[in-house]
């Protein structure tokens, strides 16, 4: 359970995405997540914790040097925040502008994120979802 207001939880999710993705600060995950953080949909669809998600982002930074995330919608209720986001980058090999869309559900415990569930589209699903040209 959390005592944070709905607006504060949404602000923390915004700050987490800004720091973790857009500012390329993978270490911020240690500040934003509980020590027992559980990602139900970690890299490769496998559950993981803080270290697994940190390794995943370090790999994404290398593979997608100009990666940026935009939050399109956000809703909060109880101890959870859900957001719809778009991840954009330039494919280093082809130079194409790429993107995938995601929905992420975060659960808070205290003033930190304790759990994450996510669904994302695959960049290979179709040009209407993957290119911004």
N, C-alpha and C. Protein backbone atom coordinates (compact mmCIF):
# COMPACT_ATOMS: atom_id res chain seq x y z
N UNK A 1 0.84 -1.18 0.00
CA UNK A 1 0.00 0.00 0.00
C UNK A 1 0.89 1.25 0.00
N UNK A 2 0.30 2.33 -0.43
CA UNK A 2 1.04 3.59 -0.47
C UNK A 2 0.20 4.70 0.12
N UNK A 3 0.86 5.71 0.63
CA UNK A 3 0.16 6.89 1.13
C UNK A 3 0.31 8.05 0.15
N UNK A 4 0.93 7.81 -0.99
CA UNK A 4 1.12 8.87 -1.99
C UNK A 4 -0.20 9.23 -2.64
N UNK A 5 -0.33 10.49 -3.00
CA UNK A 5 -1.51 10.91 -3.76
C UNK A 5 -1.41 10.36 -5.18
N UNK A 6 -2.54 10.31 -5.86
CA UNK A 6 -2.55 9.83 -7.24
C UNK A 6 -1.66 10.70 -8.12
N UNK A 7 -1.74 12.02 -7.92
CA UNK A 7 -0.90 12.93 -8.72
C UNK A 7 0.58 12.71 -8.45
N UNK A 8 0.95 12.45 -7.20
CA UNK A 8 2.37 12.23 -6.88
C UNK A 8 2.87 10.92 -7.50
N UNK A 9 2.03 9.88 -7.48
CA UNK A 9 2.44 8.62 -8.12
C UNK A 9 2.67 8.84 -9.62
N UNK A 10 1.77 9.57 -10.27
CA UNK A 10 1.94 9.85 -11.70
C UNK A 10 3.21 10.66 -11.95
N UNK A 11 3.48 11.62 -11.08
CA UNK A 11 4.70 12.42 -11.22
C UNK A 11 5.94 11.54 -11.11
N UNK A 12 5.94 10.61 -10.16
CA UNK A 12 7.09 9.72 -9.98
C UNK A 12 7.30 8.82 -11.20
N UNK A 13 6.22 8.35 -11.81
CA UNK A 13 6.35 7.54 -13.03
C UNK A 13 6.92 8.39 -14.16
N UNK A 14 6.43 9.62 -14.31
CA UNK A 14 6.97 10.52 -15.34
C UNK A 14 8.47 10.75 -15.12
N UNK A 15 8.85 11.03 -13.87
CA UNK A 15 10.26 11.27 -13.56
C UNK A 15 11.10 10.02 -13.82
N UNK A 16 10.54 8.86 -13.48
CA UNK A 16 11.29 7.61 -13.71
C UNK A 16 11.55 7.42 -15.20
N UNK A 17 10.53 7.55 -16.03
CA UNK A 17 10.73 7.39 -17.47
C UNK A 17 11.70 8.44 -18.01
N UNK A 18 11.59 9.67 -17.56
CA UNK A 18 12.48 10.73 -18.04
C UNK A 18 13.94 10.40 -17.71
N UNK A 19 14.19 10.02 -16.46
CA UNK A 19 15.56 9.72 -16.04
C UNK A 19 16.06 8.39 -16.63
N UNK A 20 15.26 7.34 -16.50
CA UNK A 20 15.67 5.99 -16.86
C UNK A 20 15.82 5.80 -18.37
N UNK A 21 14.92 6.40 -19.14
CA UNK A 21 14.95 6.22 -20.60
C UNK A 21 15.58 7.43 -21.28
N UNK A 22 14.94 8.58 -21.15
CA UNK A 22 15.36 9.75 -21.94
C UNK A 22 16.71 10.31 -21.54
N UNK A 23 17.03 10.30 -20.24
CA UNK A 23 18.32 10.81 -19.78
C UNK A 23 19.38 9.71 -19.68
N UNK A 24 18.98 8.47 -19.98
CA UNK A 24 19.91 7.34 -20.02
C UNK A 24 20.61 7.10 -18.68
N UNK A 25 19.85 7.20 -17.61
CA UNK A 25 20.39 7.01 -16.26
C UNK A 25 19.85 5.69 -15.70
N UNK A 26 20.47 4.59 -16.08
CA UNK A 26 19.99 3.27 -15.65
C UNK A 26 20.06 3.10 -14.13
N UNK A 27 21.01 3.75 -13.49
CA UNK A 27 21.20 3.59 -12.04
C UNK A 27 20.04 4.15 -11.24
N UNK A 28 19.23 5.03 -11.83
CA UNK A 28 18.11 5.63 -11.10
C UNK A 28 17.09 4.57 -10.68
N UNK A 29 17.12 3.42 -11.31
CA UNK A 29 16.19 2.35 -10.95
C UNK A 29 16.37 1.96 -9.48
N UNK A 30 17.59 2.06 -8.96
CA UNK A 30 17.85 1.71 -7.56
C UNK A 30 17.20 2.70 -6.60
N UNK A 31 17.01 3.93 -7.05
CA UNK A 31 16.35 4.95 -6.23
C UNK A 31 14.83 4.83 -6.31
N UNK A 32 14.32 4.47 -7.48
CA UNK A 32 12.87 4.51 -7.72
C UNK A 32 12.13 3.23 -7.35
N UNK A 33 12.83 2.11 -7.28
CA UNK A 33 12.18 0.83 -7.02
C UNK A 33 12.47 0.35 -5.60
N UNK A 34 11.54 -0.44 -5.08
CA UNK A 34 11.77 -1.08 -3.78
C UNK A 34 12.86 -2.14 -3.95
N UNK A 35 13.55 -2.51 -2.86
CA UNK A 35 14.59 -3.54 -2.97
C UNK A 35 14.05 -4.87 -3.51
N UNK A 36 12.77 -5.17 -3.23
CA UNK A 36 12.18 -6.42 -3.72
C UNK A 36 11.32 -6.20 -4.97
N UNK A 37 11.59 -5.13 -5.71
CA UNK A 37 10.86 -4.83 -6.95
C UNK A 37 10.77 -6.08 -7.82
N UNK A 38 9.59 -6.30 -8.40
CA UNK A 38 9.35 -7.47 -9.24
C UNK A 38 8.75 -7.03 -10.56
N UNK A 39 9.45 -7.31 -11.65
CA UNK A 39 8.96 -6.99 -12.99
C UNK A 39 8.37 -8.28 -13.56
N UNK A 40 7.07 -8.32 -13.66
CA UNK A 40 6.38 -9.51 -14.16
C UNK A 40 6.65 -9.76 -15.64
N UNK A 41 7.04 -8.74 -16.36
CA UNK A 41 7.27 -8.83 -17.81
C UNK A 41 8.63 -8.27 -18.16
N UNK A 42 9.66 -8.83 -17.56
CA UNK A 42 11.02 -8.36 -17.78
C UNK A 42 11.55 -8.72 -19.15
N UNK A 43 12.84 -8.51 -19.36
CA UNK A 43 13.46 -8.79 -20.65
C UNK A 43 13.14 -10.20 -21.15
N UNK A 44 12.72 -10.28 -22.39
CA UNK A 44 12.37 -11.57 -22.97
C UNK A 44 11.10 -12.17 -22.41
N UNK A 45 10.30 -11.35 -21.70
CA UNK A 45 9.06 -11.83 -21.11
C UNK A 45 9.25 -12.59 -19.81
N UNK A 46 10.47 -12.61 -19.30
CA UNK A 46 10.76 -13.33 -18.07
C UNK A 46 10.73 -12.37 -16.87
N UNK A 47 10.18 -12.83 -15.75
CA UNK A 47 10.20 -11.98 -14.56
C UNK A 47 11.63 -11.66 -14.15
N UNK A 48 11.80 -10.49 -13.58
CA UNK A 48 13.13 -10.07 -13.15
C UNK A 48 12.99 -9.03 -12.04
N UNK A 49 14.10 -8.61 -11.52
CA UNK A 49 14.13 -7.57 -10.49
C UNK A 49 14.86 -6.35 -10.99
N UNK A 50 15.34 -5.54 -10.07
CA UNK A 50 16.02 -4.29 -10.40
C UNK A 50 17.21 -4.52 -11.33
N UNK A 51 18.06 -5.47 -11.00
CA UNK A 51 19.28 -5.68 -11.79
C UNK A 51 18.97 -6.10 -13.22
N UNK A 52 17.95 -6.95 -13.40
CA UNK A 52 17.57 -7.38 -14.74
C UNK A 52 17.07 -6.24 -15.59
N UNK A 53 16.25 -5.37 -15.00
CA UNK A 53 15.75 -4.22 -15.75
C UNK A 53 16.86 -3.22 -16.06
N UNK A 54 17.79 -3.07 -15.13
CA UNK A 54 18.92 -2.18 -15.37
C UNK A 54 19.77 -2.69 -16.54
N UNK A 55 20.07 -3.99 -16.55
CA UNK A 55 20.84 -4.59 -17.66
C UNK A 55 20.10 -4.42 -18.99
N UNK A 56 18.77 -4.61 -18.97
CA UNK A 56 17.98 -4.45 -20.19
C UNK A 56 18.13 -3.04 -20.75
N UNK A 57 18.03 -2.03 -19.90
CA UNK A 57 18.12 -0.65 -20.38
C UNK A 57 19.52 -0.33 -20.87
N UNK A 58 20.54 -0.84 -20.22
CA UNK A 58 21.91 -0.60 -20.71
C UNK A 58 22.06 -1.16 -22.12
N UNK A 59 21.47 -2.32 -22.37
CA UNK A 59 21.49 -2.89 -23.71
C UNK A 59 20.72 -2.05 -24.71
N UNK A 60 19.58 -1.50 -24.28
CA UNK A 60 18.79 -0.65 -25.17
C UNK A 60 19.53 0.64 -25.49
N UNK A 61 20.23 1.21 -24.51
CA UNK A 61 21.02 2.43 -24.77
C UNK A 61 22.03 2.17 -25.88
N UNK A 62 22.69 1.00 -25.84
CA UNK A 62 23.69 0.68 -26.85
C UNK A 62 23.07 0.41 -28.22
N UNK A 63 21.95 -0.30 -28.24
CA UNK A 63 21.31 -0.66 -29.51
C UNK A 63 20.55 0.50 -30.13
N UNK A 64 20.07 1.43 -29.31
CA UNK A 64 19.23 2.53 -29.78
C UNK A 64 19.77 3.84 -29.19
N UNK A 65 20.87 4.36 -29.73
CA UNK A 65 21.55 5.50 -29.12
C UNK A 65 20.70 6.75 -28.93
N UNK A 66 19.68 6.96 -29.76
CA UNK A 66 18.86 8.16 -29.63
C UNK A 66 17.47 7.85 -29.07
N UNK A 67 17.34 6.74 -28.34
CA UNK A 67 16.06 6.30 -27.79
C UNK A 67 15.41 7.40 -26.95
N UNK A 68 14.12 7.63 -27.20
CA UNK A 68 13.33 8.58 -26.42
C UNK A 68 11.94 8.01 -26.19
N UNK A 69 11.37 8.29 -25.03
CA UNK A 69 10.05 7.81 -24.67
C UNK A 69 9.13 9.00 -24.46
N UNK A 70 7.91 8.88 -24.97
CA UNK A 70 6.88 9.89 -24.76
C UNK A 70 5.69 9.23 -24.08
N UNK A 71 5.22 9.80 -22.99
CA UNK A 71 4.01 9.31 -22.34
C UNK A 71 2.82 9.97 -23.01
N UNK A 72 1.90 9.16 -23.50
CA UNK A 72 0.72 9.66 -24.20
C UNK A 72 -0.49 9.80 -23.28
N UNK A 73 -0.67 8.85 -22.37
CA UNK A 73 -1.80 8.85 -21.44
C UNK A 73 -1.34 8.25 -20.12
N UNK A 74 -1.99 8.69 -19.03
CA UNK A 74 -1.65 8.15 -17.72
C UNK A 74 -2.89 8.20 -16.83
N UNK A 75 -3.15 7.10 -16.13
CA UNK A 75 -4.29 6.99 -15.22
C UNK A 75 -3.79 6.39 -13.91
N UNK A 76 -4.28 6.91 -12.78
CA UNK A 76 -3.90 6.38 -11.47
C UNK A 76 -5.15 6.06 -10.66
N UNK A 77 -5.06 4.96 -9.92
CA UNK A 77 -6.13 4.58 -9.02
C UNK A 77 -5.54 3.68 -7.93
N UNK A 78 -5.97 3.89 -6.70
CA UNK A 78 -5.45 3.08 -5.60
C UNK A 78 -3.95 3.24 -5.47
N UNK A 79 -3.22 2.13 -5.56
CA UNK A 79 -1.75 2.18 -5.47
C UNK A 79 -1.09 1.91 -6.82
N UNK A 80 -1.86 2.11 -7.92
CA UNK A 80 -1.35 1.78 -9.25
C UNK A 80 -1.45 2.96 -10.22
N UNK A 81 -0.51 2.95 -11.18
CA UNK A 81 -0.50 3.91 -12.28
C UNK A 81 -0.34 3.11 -13.56
N UNK A 82 -1.14 3.43 -14.56
CA UNK A 82 -0.99 2.82 -15.88
C UNK A 82 -0.72 3.92 -16.89
N UNK A 83 0.18 3.66 -17.81
CA UNK A 83 0.46 4.66 -18.84
C UNK A 83 0.63 4.00 -20.19
N UNK A 84 0.27 4.77 -21.21
CA UNK A 84 0.48 4.38 -22.60
C UNK A 84 1.62 5.23 -23.11
N UNK A 85 2.62 4.59 -23.69
CA UNK A 85 3.79 5.35 -24.11
C UNK A 85 4.26 4.91 -25.49
N UNK A 86 5.09 5.75 -26.08
CA UNK A 86 5.70 5.45 -27.38
C UNK A 86 7.21 5.60 -27.22
N UNK A 87 7.92 4.57 -27.64
CA UNK A 87 9.39 4.55 -27.64
C UNK A 87 9.84 4.80 -29.06
N UNK A 88 10.71 5.78 -29.28
CA UNK A 88 11.17 6.14 -30.63
C UNK A 88 12.70 6.14 -30.68
N UNK A 89 13.24 5.73 -31.85
CA UNK A 89 14.68 5.75 -32.06
C UNK A 89 14.96 5.64 -33.54
N UNK A 90 16.20 5.87 -33.89
CA UNK A 90 16.65 5.68 -35.26
C UNK A 90 17.42 4.38 -35.33
N UNK A 91 17.03 3.49 -36.24
CA UNK A 91 17.73 2.23 -36.41
C UNK A 91 19.14 2.51 -36.93
N UNK A 92 20.19 2.14 -36.18
CA UNK A 92 21.55 2.47 -36.61
C UNK A 92 21.93 1.85 -37.96
N UNK A 93 21.39 0.69 -38.28
CA UNK A 93 21.74 0.03 -39.53
C UNK A 93 21.08 0.62 -40.76
N UNK A 94 19.78 0.91 -40.65
CA UNK A 94 19.03 1.39 -41.81
C UNK A 94 18.82 2.89 -41.83
N UNK A 95 18.94 3.53 -40.67
CA UNK A 95 18.65 4.96 -40.58
C UNK A 95 17.17 5.26 -40.50
N UNK A 96 16.31 4.22 -40.45
CA UNK A 96 14.86 4.43 -40.38
C UNK A 96 14.45 4.87 -38.98
N UNK A 97 13.45 5.73 -38.93
CA UNK A 97 12.85 6.14 -37.67
C UNK A 97 11.91 5.03 -37.23
N UNK A 98 12.14 4.49 -36.05
CA UNK A 98 11.39 3.34 -35.55
C UNK A 98 10.63 3.73 -34.28
N UNK A 99 9.63 2.91 -33.96
CA UNK A 99 8.91 3.11 -32.71
C UNK A 99 8.18 1.84 -32.31
N UNK A 100 7.91 1.71 -31.02
CA UNK A 100 6.95 0.73 -30.55
C UNK A 100 6.12 1.38 -29.47
N UNK A 101 4.95 0.82 -29.25
CA UNK A 101 4.00 1.36 -28.29
C UNK A 101 3.93 0.42 -27.10
N UNK A 102 3.70 0.98 -25.92
CA UNK A 102 3.61 0.14 -24.74
C UNK A 102 2.56 0.62 -23.76
N UNK A 103 2.08 -0.32 -22.97
CA UNK A 103 1.23 -0.04 -21.82
C UNK A 103 1.97 -0.60 -20.61
N UNK A 104 2.12 0.20 -19.58
CA UNK A 104 2.83 -0.23 -18.38
C UNK A 104 1.95 0.04 -17.16
N UNK A 105 1.83 -0.96 -16.30
CA UNK A 105 1.12 -0.82 -15.04
C UNK A 105 2.15 -0.92 -13.93
N UNK A 106 2.20 0.12 -13.09
CA UNK A 106 3.14 0.19 -11.97
C UNK A 106 2.35 0.10 -10.67
N UNK A 107 2.84 -0.69 -9.68
CA UNK A 107 2.24 -0.71 -8.35
C UNK A 107 3.24 -0.12 -7.37
N UNK A 108 2.75 0.79 -6.55
CA UNK A 108 3.59 1.46 -5.55
C UNK A 108 3.45 0.79 -4.19
N UNK A 109 4.56 0.80 -3.45
CA UNK A 109 4.58 0.42 -2.04
C UNK A 109 5.38 1.51 -1.35
N UNK A 110 4.75 2.19 -0.41
CA UNK A 110 5.40 3.36 0.19
C UNK A 110 5.56 4.42 -0.88
N UNK A 111 6.77 4.94 -1.04
CA UNK A 111 6.99 5.99 -2.05
C UNK A 111 7.82 5.48 -3.23
N UNK A 112 7.83 4.14 -3.41
CA UNK A 112 8.62 3.55 -4.49
C UNK A 112 7.77 2.57 -5.30
N UNK A 113 8.28 2.24 -6.47
CA UNK A 113 7.61 1.28 -7.34
C UNK A 113 7.99 -0.13 -6.90
N UNK A 114 6.97 -0.97 -6.69
CA UNK A 114 7.20 -2.32 -6.20
C UNK A 114 7.00 -3.39 -7.27
N UNK A 115 6.11 -3.12 -8.24
CA UNK A 115 5.85 -4.10 -9.29
C UNK A 115 5.59 -3.40 -10.61
N UNK A 116 5.84 -4.16 -11.70
CA UNK A 116 5.61 -3.65 -13.05
C UNK A 116 5.06 -4.77 -13.92
N UNK A 117 4.06 -4.43 -14.73
CA UNK A 117 3.54 -5.29 -15.77
C UNK A 117 3.58 -4.47 -17.05
N UNK A 118 3.92 -5.09 -18.17
CA UNK A 118 4.01 -4.32 -19.41
C UNK A 118 3.60 -5.16 -20.61
N UNK A 119 3.04 -4.47 -21.59
CA UNK A 119 2.74 -5.05 -22.89
C UNK A 119 3.25 -4.06 -23.92
N UNK A 120 4.02 -4.55 -24.88
CA UNK A 120 4.54 -3.67 -25.93
C UNK A 120 4.30 -4.30 -27.30
N UNK A 121 4.18 -3.43 -28.30
CA UNK A 121 4.11 -3.92 -29.66
C UNK A 121 5.52 -4.21 -30.13
N UNK A 122 5.62 -5.05 -31.12
CA UNK A 122 6.92 -5.35 -31.70
C UNK A 122 7.16 -4.43 -32.88
N UNK A 123 8.37 -3.90 -33.03
CA UNK A 123 8.65 -3.07 -34.20
C UNK A 123 8.41 -3.80 -35.51
N UNK A 124 8.37 -5.11 -35.49
CA UNK A 124 8.16 -5.89 -36.70
C UNK A 124 6.69 -6.11 -37.03
N UNK A 125 5.78 -5.56 -36.22
CA UNK A 125 4.36 -5.85 -36.43
C UNK A 125 3.74 -5.16 -37.63
N UNK A 126 4.31 -4.09 -38.11
CA UNK A 126 3.75 -3.41 -39.27
C UNK A 126 4.25 -2.00 -39.37
N UNK A 127 4.31 -1.49 -40.58
CA UNK A 127 4.89 -0.17 -40.77
C UNK A 127 4.09 0.92 -40.09
N UNK A 128 2.78 0.75 -39.95
CA UNK A 128 2.00 1.80 -39.30
C UNK A 128 2.37 1.94 -37.82
N UNK A 129 2.93 0.89 -37.23
CA UNK A 129 3.33 0.94 -35.83
C UNK A 129 4.81 1.23 -35.67
N UNK A 130 5.61 1.02 -36.70
CA UNK A 130 7.05 1.05 -36.47
C UNK A 130 7.79 2.19 -37.13
N UNK A 131 7.25 2.83 -38.12
CA UNK A 131 7.99 3.92 -38.74
C UNK A 131 7.25 5.23 -38.55
N UNK A 132 8.00 6.28 -38.38
CA UNK A 132 7.39 7.60 -38.21
C UNK A 132 7.65 8.47 -39.43
N UNK A 133 8.13 7.88 -40.51
CA UNK A 133 8.42 8.64 -41.73
C UNK A 133 7.13 9.02 -42.43
